[in-house]
């Protein structure tokens, strides 16, 4: 079996490949290289873990607010 060209794959393609080939270290390193080469990355220290948790909760809250807004018209239609 021939290895795929990891350099030509997108991040999404590499992630999908890794889900099916979890022990492929070469693919993992290719994905990490792609992620590391992205501009405007934000890294958090151990001391800043609270800020990261806050960002995650804000993102989840945003999704749930959007879901509620999408479901409101359906509920109103039932009344």
PDB file of N, CA and C in Angstrom:
ATOM      1  N   UNK A   1       0.846  -1.184   0.000  1.00  0.00           N
ATOM      2  CA  UNK A   1       0.000   0.000   0.000  1.00  0.00           C
ATOM      3  C   UNK A   1       0.884   1.238   0.000  1.00  0.00           C
ATOM      4  N   UNK A   2       0.532   2.204  -0.825  1.00  0.00           N
ATOM      5  CA  UNK A   2       1.283   3.445  -0.923  1.00  0.00           C
ATOM      6  C   UNK A   2       0.745   4.461   0.072  1.00  0.00           C
ATOM      7  N   UNK A   3       1.669   5.188   0.704  1.00  0.00           N
ATOM      8  CA  UNK A   3       1.266   6.229   1.653  1.00  0.00           C
ATOM      9  C   UNK A   3       0.708   7.424   0.892  1.00  0.00           C
ATOM     10  N   UNK A   4      -0.323   8.051   1.427  1.00  0.00           N
ATOM     11  CA  UNK A   4      -0.850   9.266   0.797  1.00  0.00           C
ATOM     12  C   UNK A   4       0.170  10.406   0.877  1.00  0.00           C
ATOM     13  N   UNK A   5      -0.009  11.401   0.035  1.00  0.00           N
ATOM     14  CA  UNK A   5       0.844  12.587   0.065  1.00  0.00           C
ATOM     15  C   UNK A   5       0.289  13.523   1.132  1.00  0.00           C
ATOM     16  N   UNK A   6       0.826  13.434   2.348  1.00  0.00           N
ATOM     17  CA  UNK A   6       0.306  14.221   3.462  1.00  0.00           C
ATOM     18  C   UNK A   6       0.474  15.717   3.234  1.00  0.00           C
ATOM     19  N   UNK A   7       1.533  16.121   2.544  1.00  0.00           N
ATOM     20  CA  UNK A   7       1.764  17.541   2.295  1.00  0.00           C
ATOM     21  C   UNK A   7       0.671  18.141   1.415  1.00  0.00           C
ATOM     22  N   UNK A   8       0.079  17.335   0.561  1.00  0.00           N
ATOM     23  CA  UNK A   8      -0.964  17.828  -0.344  1.00  0.00           C
ATOM     24  C   UNK A   8      -2.352  17.784   0.287  1.00  0.00           C
ATOM     25  N   UNK A   9      -2.468  17.125   1.440  1.00  0.00           N
ATOM     26  CA  UNK A   9      -3.772  16.990   2.086  1.00  0.00           C
ATOM     27  C   UNK A   9      -4.090  18.228   2.926  1.00  0.00           C
ATOM     28  N   UNK A  10      -5.370  18.552   3.022  1.00  0.00           N
ATOM     29  CA  UNK A  10      -5.813  19.649   3.884  1.00  0.00           C
ATOM     30  C   UNK A  10      -5.832  19.163   5.332  1.00  0.00           C
ATOM     31  N   UNK A  11      -5.994  20.087   6.256  1.00  0.00           N
ATOM     32  CA  UNK A  11      -6.106  19.701   7.667  1.00  0.00           C
ATOM     33  C   UNK A  11      -7.291  18.769   7.875  1.00  0.00           C
ATOM     34  N   UNK A  12      -8.398  19.065   7.263  1.00  0.00           N
ATOM     35  CA  UNK A  12      -9.590  18.230   7.405  1.00  0.00           C
ATOM     36  C   UNK A  12      -9.348  16.824   6.874  1.00  0.00           C
ATOM     37  N   UNK A  13      -8.680  16.737   5.746  1.00  0.00           N
ATOM     38  CA  UNK A  13      -8.369  15.428   5.172  1.00  0.00           C
ATOM     39  C   UNK A  13      -7.418  14.650   6.075  1.00  0.00           C
ATOM     40  N   UNK A  14      -6.416  15.343   6.620  1.00  0.00           N
ATOM     41  CA  UNK A  14      -5.477  14.678   7.529  1.00  0.00           C
ATOM     42  C   UNK A  14      -6.178  14.194   8.795  1.00  0.00           C
ATOM     43  N   UNK A  15      -7.075  15.016   9.335  1.00  0.00           N
ATOM     44  CA  UNK A  15      -7.822  14.604  10.526  1.00  0.00           C
ATOM     45  C   UNK A  15      -8.648  13.357  10.237  1.00  0.00           C
ATOM     46  N   UNK A  16      -9.316  13.346   9.101  1.00  0.00           N
ATOM     47  CA  UNK A  16     -10.127  12.184   8.733  1.00  0.00           C
ATOM     48  C   UNK A  16      -9.245  10.948   8.548  1.00  0.00           C
ATOM     49  N   UNK A  17      -8.100  11.139   7.910  1.00  0.00           N
ATOM     50  CA  UNK A  17      -7.164  10.025   7.717  1.00  0.00           C
ATOM     51  C   UNK A  17      -6.696   9.483   9.068  1.00  0.00           C
ATOM     52  N   UNK A  18      -6.367  10.388   9.982  1.00  0.00           N
ATOM     53  CA  UNK A  18      -5.882   9.968  11.299  1.00  0.00           C
ATOM     54  C   UNK A  18      -6.948   9.247  12.114  1.00  0.00           C
ATOM     55  N   UNK A  19      -8.192   9.592  11.919  1.00  0.00           N
ATOM     56  CA  UNK A  19      -9.254   8.880  12.625  1.00  0.00           C
ATOM     57  C   UNK A  19      -9.309   7.410  12.194  1.00  0.00           C
ATOM     58  N   UNK A  20      -8.934   7.156  10.961  1.00  0.00           N
ATOM     59  CA  UNK A  20      -8.940   5.782  10.450  1.00  0.00           C
ATOM     60  C   UNK A  20      -7.596   5.081  10.637  1.00  0.00           C
ATOM     61  N   UNK A  21      -6.512   5.862  10.798  1.00  0.00           N
ATOM     62  CA  UNK A  21      -5.160   5.309  10.924  1.00  0.00           C
ATOM     63  C   UNK A  21      -4.488   5.942  12.147  1.00  0.00           C
ATOM     64  N   UNK A  22      -5.010   5.670  13.308  1.00  0.00           N
ATOM     65  CA  UNK A  22      -4.579   6.333  14.548  1.00  0.00           C
ATOM     66  C   UNK A  22      -3.118   6.115  14.912  1.00  0.00           C
ATOM     67  N   UNK A  23      -2.496   5.089  14.410  1.00  0.00           N
ATOM     68  CA  UNK A  23      -1.103   4.808  14.761  1.00  0.00           C
ATOM     69  C   UNK A  23      -0.109   5.309  13.725  1.00  0.00           C
ATOM     70  N   UNK A  24      -0.555   6.101  12.758  1.00  0.00           N
ATOM     71  CA  UNK A  24       0.330   6.602  11.712  1.00  0.00           C
ATOM     72  C   UNK A  24       1.020   7.877  12.206  1.00  0.00           C
ATOM     73  N   UNK A  25       2.221   7.698  12.728  1.00  0.00           N
ATOM     74  CA  UNK A  25       2.974   8.823  13.296  1.00  0.00           C
ATOM     75  C   UNK A  25       3.327   9.854  12.231  1.00  0.00           C
ATOM     76  N   UNK A  26       3.616   9.399  11.023  1.00  0.00           N
ATOM     77  CA  UNK A  26       3.974  10.321   9.944  1.00  0.00           C
ATOM     78  C   UNK A  26       2.802  11.261   9.633  1.00  0.00           C
ATOM     79  N   UNK A  27       1.598  10.731   9.572  1.00  0.00           N
ATOM     80  CA  UNK A  27       0.416  11.556   9.315  1.00  0.00           C
ATOM     81  C   UNK A  27       0.177  12.518  10.473  1.00  0.00           C
ATOM     82  N   UNK A  28       0.373  12.042  11.695  1.00  0.00           N
ATOM     83  CA  UNK A  28       0.209  12.902  12.865  1.00  0.00           C
ATOM     84  C   UNK A  28       1.166  14.079  12.812  1.00  0.00           C
ATOM     85  N   UNK A  29       2.427  13.810  12.490  1.00  0.00           N
ATOM     86  CA  UNK A  29       3.418  14.890  12.411  1.00  0.00           C
ATOM     87  C   UNK A  29       3.094  15.852  11.271  1.00  0.00           C
ATOM     88  N   UNK A  30       2.587  15.335  10.176  1.00  0.00           N
ATOM     89  CA  UNK A  30       2.194  16.205   9.063  1.00  0.00           C
ATOM     90  C   UNK A  30       1.069  17.143   9.494  1.00  0.00           C
ATOM     91  N   UNK A  31       0.105  16.611  10.242  1.00  0.00           N
ATOM     92  CA  UNK A  31      -0.998  17.449  10.732  1.00  0.00           C
ATOM     93  C   UNK A  31      -0.473  18.498  11.709  1.00  0.00           C
ATOM     94  N   UNK A  32       0.408  18.100  12.619  1.00  0.00           N
ATOM     95  CA  UNK A  32       0.962  19.057  13.583  1.00  0.00           C
ATOM     96  C   UNK A  32       1.761  20.147  12.875  1.00  0.00           C
ATOM     97  N   UNK A  33       2.483  19.781  11.815  1.00  0.00           N
ATOM     98  CA  UNK A  33       3.227  20.779  11.036  1.00  0.00           C
ATOM     99  C   UNK A  33       2.275  21.779  10.384  1.00  0.00           C
ATOM    100  N   UNK A  34       1.151  21.293   9.859  1.00  0.00           N
ATOM    101  CA  UNK A  34       0.169  22.196   9.242  1.00  0.00           C
ATOM    102  C   UNK A  34      -0.428  23.144  10.279  1.00  0.00           C
ATOM    103  N   UNK A  35      -0.747  22.605  11.436  1.00  0.00           N
ATOM    104  CA  UNK A  35      -1.315  23.435  12.501  1.00  0.00           C
ATOM    105  C   UNK A  35      -0.306  24.465  12.981  1.00  0.00           C
ATOM    106  N   UNK A  36       0.937  24.044  13.155  1.00  0.00           N
ATOM    107  CA  UNK A  36       1.983  24.951  13.647  1.00  0.00           C
ATOM    108  C   UNK A  36       2.294  26.065  12.658  1.00  0.00           C
ATOM    109  N   UNK A  37       2.050  25.826  11.380  1.00  0.00           N
ATOM    110  CA  UNK A  37       2.373  26.838  10.379  1.00  0.00           C
ATOM    111  C   UNK A  37       1.274  27.883  10.197  1.00  0.00           C
ATOM    112  N   UNK A  38       0.145  27.707  10.876  1.00  0.00           N
ATOM    113  CA  UNK A  38      -0.945  28.671  10.755  1.00  0.00           C
ATOM    114  C   UNK A  38      -0.602  29.970  11.479  1.00  0.00           C
ATOM    115  N   UNK A  39      -0.951  31.103  10.883  1.00  0.00           N
ATOM    116  CA  UNK A  39      -0.696  32.389  11.537  1.00  0.00           C
ATOM    117  C   UNK A  39      -1.700  32.657  12.662  1.00  0.00           C
ATOM    118  N   UNK A  40      -1.362  33.602  13.515  1.00  0.00           N
ATOM    119  CA  UNK A  40      -2.245  34.089  14.580  1.00  0.00           C
ATOM    120  C   UNK A  40      -2.700  33.014  15.559  1.00  0.00           C
ATOM    121  N   UNK A  41      -1.797  32.141  15.913  1.00  0.00           N
ATOM    122  CA  UNK A  41      -2.139  31.122  16.895  1.00  0.00           C
ATOM    123  C   UNK A  41      -2.063  31.719  18.288  1.00  0.00           C
ATOM    124  N   UNK A  42      -2.918  31.257  19.171  1.00  0.00           N
ATOM    125  CA  UNK A  42      -2.883  31.677  20.559  1.00  0.00           C
ATOM    126  C   UNK A  42      -2.563  30.466  21.414  1.00  0.00           C
ATOM    127  N   UNK A  43      -1.530  30.596  22.215  1.00  0.00           N
ATOM    128  CA  UNK A  43      -1.144  29.520  23.108  1.00  0.00           C
ATOM    129  C   UNK A  43      -1.379  29.972  24.537  1.00  0.00           C
ATOM    130  N   UNK A  44      -1.823  29.060  25.378  1.00  0.00           N
ATOM    131  CA  UNK A  44      -2.110  29.368  26.768  1.00  0.00           C
ATOM    132  C   UNK A  44      -1.164  28.601  27.671  1.00  0.00           C
ATOM    133  N   UNK A  45      -0.747  29.254  28.744  1.00  0.00           N
ATOM    134  CA  UNK A  45       0.091  28.596  29.732  1.00  0.00           C
ATOM    135  C   UNK A  45      -0.807  27.872  30.727  1.00  0.00           C
ATOM    136  N   UNK A  46      -0.191  27.092  31.588  1.00  0.00           N
ATOM    137  CA  UNK A  46      -0.951  26.372  32.610  1.00  0.00           C
ATOM    138  C   UNK A  46      -1.689  27.363  33.503  1.00  0.00           C
ATOM    139  N   UNK A  47      -1.079  28.497  33.771  1.00  0.00           N
ATOM    140  CA  UNK A  47      -1.704  29.509  34.623  1.00  0.00           C
ATOM    141  C   UNK A  47      -2.935  30.131  33.957  1.00  0.00           C
ATOM    142  N   UNK A  48      -3.001  30.071  32.649  1.00  0.00           N
ATOM    143  CA  UNK A  48      -4.107  30.682  31.912  1.00  0.00           C
ATOM    144  C   UNK A  48      -5.213  29.695  31.560  1.00  0.00           C
ATOM    145  N   UNK A  49      -5.190  28.522  32.157  1.00  0.00           N
ATOM    146  CA  UNK A  49      -6.169  27.494  31.822  1.00  0.00           C
ATOM    147  C   UNK A  49      -7.601  27.973  32.103  1.00  0.00           C
ATOM    148  N   UNK A  50      -7.787  28.813  33.096  1.00  0.00           N
ATOM    149  CA  UNK A  50      -9.110  29.366  33.393  1.00  0.00           C
ATOM    150  C   UNK A  50      -9.647  30.178  32.221  1.00  0.00           C
ATOM    151  N   UNK A  51      -8.787  30.939  31.569  1.00  0.00           N
ATOM    152  CA  UNK A  51      -9.193  31.733  30.413  1.00  0.00           C
ATOM    153  C   UNK A  51      -9.612  30.821  29.266  1.00  0.00           C
ATOM    154  N   UNK A  52      -8.868  29.747  29.072  1.00  0.00           N
ATOM    155  CA  UNK A  52      -9.212  28.792  28.023  1.00  0.00           C
ATOM    156  C   UNK A  52     -10.562  28.148  28.308  1.00  0.00           C
ATOM    157  N   UNK A  53     -10.798  27.781  29.558  1.00  0.00           N
ATOM    158  CA  UNK A  53     -12.086  27.190  29.930  1.00  0.00           C
ATOM    159  C   UNK A  53     -13.220  28.184  29.680  1.00  0.00           C
ATOM    160  N   UNK A  54     -12.971  29.444  29.979  1.00  0.00           N
ATOM    161  CA  UNK A  54     -13.979  30.493  29.750  1.00  0.00           C
ATOM    162  C   UNK A  54     -14.304  30.617  28.252  1.00  0.00           C
ATOM    163  N   UNK A  55     -13.266  30.574  27.418  1.00  0.00           N
ATOM    164  CA  UNK A  55     -13.489  30.655  25.971  1.00  0.00           C
ATOM    165  C   UNK A  55     -14.310  29.469  25.467  1.00  0.00           C
ATOM    166  N   UNK A  56     -14.017  28.292  25.991  1.00  0.00           N
ATOM    167  CA  UNK A  56     -14.762  27.095  25.594  1.00  0.00           C
ATOM    168  C   UNK A  56     -16.224  27.216  26.009  1.00  0.00           C
ATOM    169  N   UNK A  57     -16.452  27.654  27.235  1.00  0.00           N
ATOM    170  CA  UNK A  57     -17.827  27.806  27.720  1.00  0.00           C
ATOM    171  C   UNK A  57     -18.571  28.875  26.937  1.00  0.00           C
ATOM    172  N   UNK A  58     -17.884  29.980  26.615  1.00  0.00           N
ATOM    173  CA  UNK A  58     -18.515  31.023  25.805  1.00  0.00           C
ATOM    174  C   UNK A  58     -18.908  30.479  24.434  1.00  0.00           C
ATOM    175  N   UNK A  59     -18.034  29.687  23.837  1.00  0.00           N
ATOM    176  CA  UNK A  59     -18.316  29.115  22.517  1.00  0.00           C
ATOM    177  C   UNK A  59     -19.504  28.160  22.609  1.00  0.00           C
ATOM    178  N   UNK A  60     -19.534  27.331  23.637  1.00  0.00           N
ATOM    179  CA  UNK A  60     -20.660  26.409  23.814  1.00  0.00           C
ATOM    180  C   UNK A  60     -21.949  27.170  24.074  1.00  0.00           C
ATOM    181  N   UNK A  61     -21.884  28.216  24.852  1.00  0.00           N
ATOM    182  CA  UNK A  61     -23.055  29.039  25.125  1.00  0.00           C
ATOM    183  C   UNK A  61     -23.562  29.706  23.867  1.00  0.00           C
ATOM    184  N   UNK A  62     -22.642  30.145  23.030  1.00  0.00           N
ATOM    185  CA  UNK A  62     -23.010  30.779  21.771  1.00  0.00           C
ATOM    186  C   UNK A  62     -23.749  29.783  20.888  1.00  0.00           C
ATOM    187  N   UNK A  63     -23.252  28.541  20.825  1.00  0.00           N
ATOM    188  CA  UNK A  63     -23.914  27.524  20.009  1.00  0.00           C
ATOM    189  C   UNK A  63     -25.299  27.233  20.553  1.00  0.00           C
ATOM    190  N   UNK A  64     -25.427  27.130  21.876  1.00  0.00           N
ATOM    191  CA  UNK A  64     -26.724  26.800  22.430  1.00  0.00           C
ATOM    192  C   UNK A  64     -27.705  27.950  22.279  1.00  0.00           C
ATOM    193  N   UNK A  65     -27.236  29.182  22.326  1.00  0.00           N
ATOM    194  CA  UNK A  65     -28.122  30.322  22.088  1.00  0.00           C
ATOM    195  C   UNK A  65     -28.606  30.283  20.641  1.00  0.00           C
ATOM    196  N   UNK A  66     -27.701  29.997  19.709  1.00  0.00           N
ATOM    197  CA  UNK A  66     -28.095  29.903  18.302  1.00  0.00           C
ATOM    198  C   UNK A  66     -29.088  28.775  18.080  1.00  0.00           C
ATOM    199  N   UNK A  67     -28.904  27.643  18.732  1.00  0.00           N
ATOM    200  CA  UNK A  67     -29.827  26.521  18.592  1.00  0.00           C
ATOM    201  C   UNK A  67     -31.204  26.892  19.118  1.00  0.00           C
ATOM    202  N   UNK A  68     -31.235  27.589  20.249  1.00  0.00           N
ATOM    203  CA  UNK A  68     -32.516  28.004  20.827  1.00  0.00           C
ATOM    204  C   UNK A  68     -33.225  28.986  19.905  1.00  0.00           C
ATOM    205  N   UNK A  69     -32.464  29.898  19.302  1.00  0.00           N
ATOM    206  CA  UNK A  69     -33.061  30.876  18.412  1.00  0.00           C
ATOM    207  C   UNK A  69     -33.643  30.188  17.174  1.00  0.00           C
ATOM    208  N   UNK A  70     -32.967  29.140  16.710  1.00  0.00           N
ATOM    209  CA  UNK A  70     -33.461  28.428  15.537  1.00  0.00           C
ATOM    210  C   UNK A  70     -34.718  27.634  15.850  1.00  0.00           C
ATOM    211  N   UNK A  71     -34.841  27.172  17.096  1.00  0.00           N
ATOM    212  CA  UNK A  71     -35.989  26.337  17.427  1.00  0.00           C
ATOM    213  C   UNK A  71     -37.209  27.153  17.858  1.00  0.00           C
ATOM    214  N   UNK A  72     -37.042  28.416  18.165  1.00  0.00           N
ATOM    215  CA  UNK A  72     -38.158  29.235  18.633  1.00  0.00           C
ATOM    216  C   UNK A  72     -39.286  29.320  17.609  1.00  0.00           C
ATOM    217  N   UNK A  73     -39.009  29.569  16.321  1.00  0.00           N
ATOM    218  CA  UNK A  73     -40.129  29.650  15.369  1.00  0.00           C
ATOM    219  C   UNK A  73     -40.928  28.354  15.292  1.00  0.00           C
ATOM    220  N   UNK A  74     -40.290  27.218  15.433  1.00  0.00           N
ATOM    221  CA  UNK A  74     -41.005  25.945  15.395  1.00  0.00           C
ATOM    222  C   UNK A  74     -41.969  25.830  16.581  1.00  0.00           C
ATOM    223  N   UNK A  75     -41.524  26.269  17.754  1.00  0.00           N
ATOM    224  CA  UNK A  75     -42.368  26.199  18.934  1.00  0.00           C
ATOM    225  C   UNK A  75     -43.560  27.149  18.807  1.00  0.00           C
ATOM    226  N   UNK A  76     -43.308  28.330  18.238  1.00  0.00           N
ATOM    227  CA  UNK A  76     -44.390  29.293  18.066  1.00  0.00           C
ATOM    228  C   UNK A  76     -45.425  28.791  17.062  1.00  0.00           C
ATOM    229  N   UNK A  77     -44.961  28.038  16.064  1.00  0.00           N
ATOM    230  CA  UNK A  77     -45.870  27.514  15.041  1.00  0.00           C
ATOM    231  C   UNK A  77     -46.810  26.475  15.632  1.00  0.00           C
ATOM    232  N   UNK A  78     -46.339  25.770  16.698  1.00  0.00           N
ATOM    233  CA  UNK A  78     -47.174  24.748  17.331  1.00  0.00           C
ATOM    234  C   UNK A  78     -48.278  25.346  18.184  1.00  0.00           C
ATOM    235  N   UNK A  79     -48.113  26.579  18.635  1.00  0.00           N
ATOM    236  CA  UNK A  79     -49.098  27.194  19.547  1.00  0.00           C
ATOM    237  C   UNK A  79     -50.271  27.745  18.810  1.00  0.00           C
TER     238      UNK A  79
END
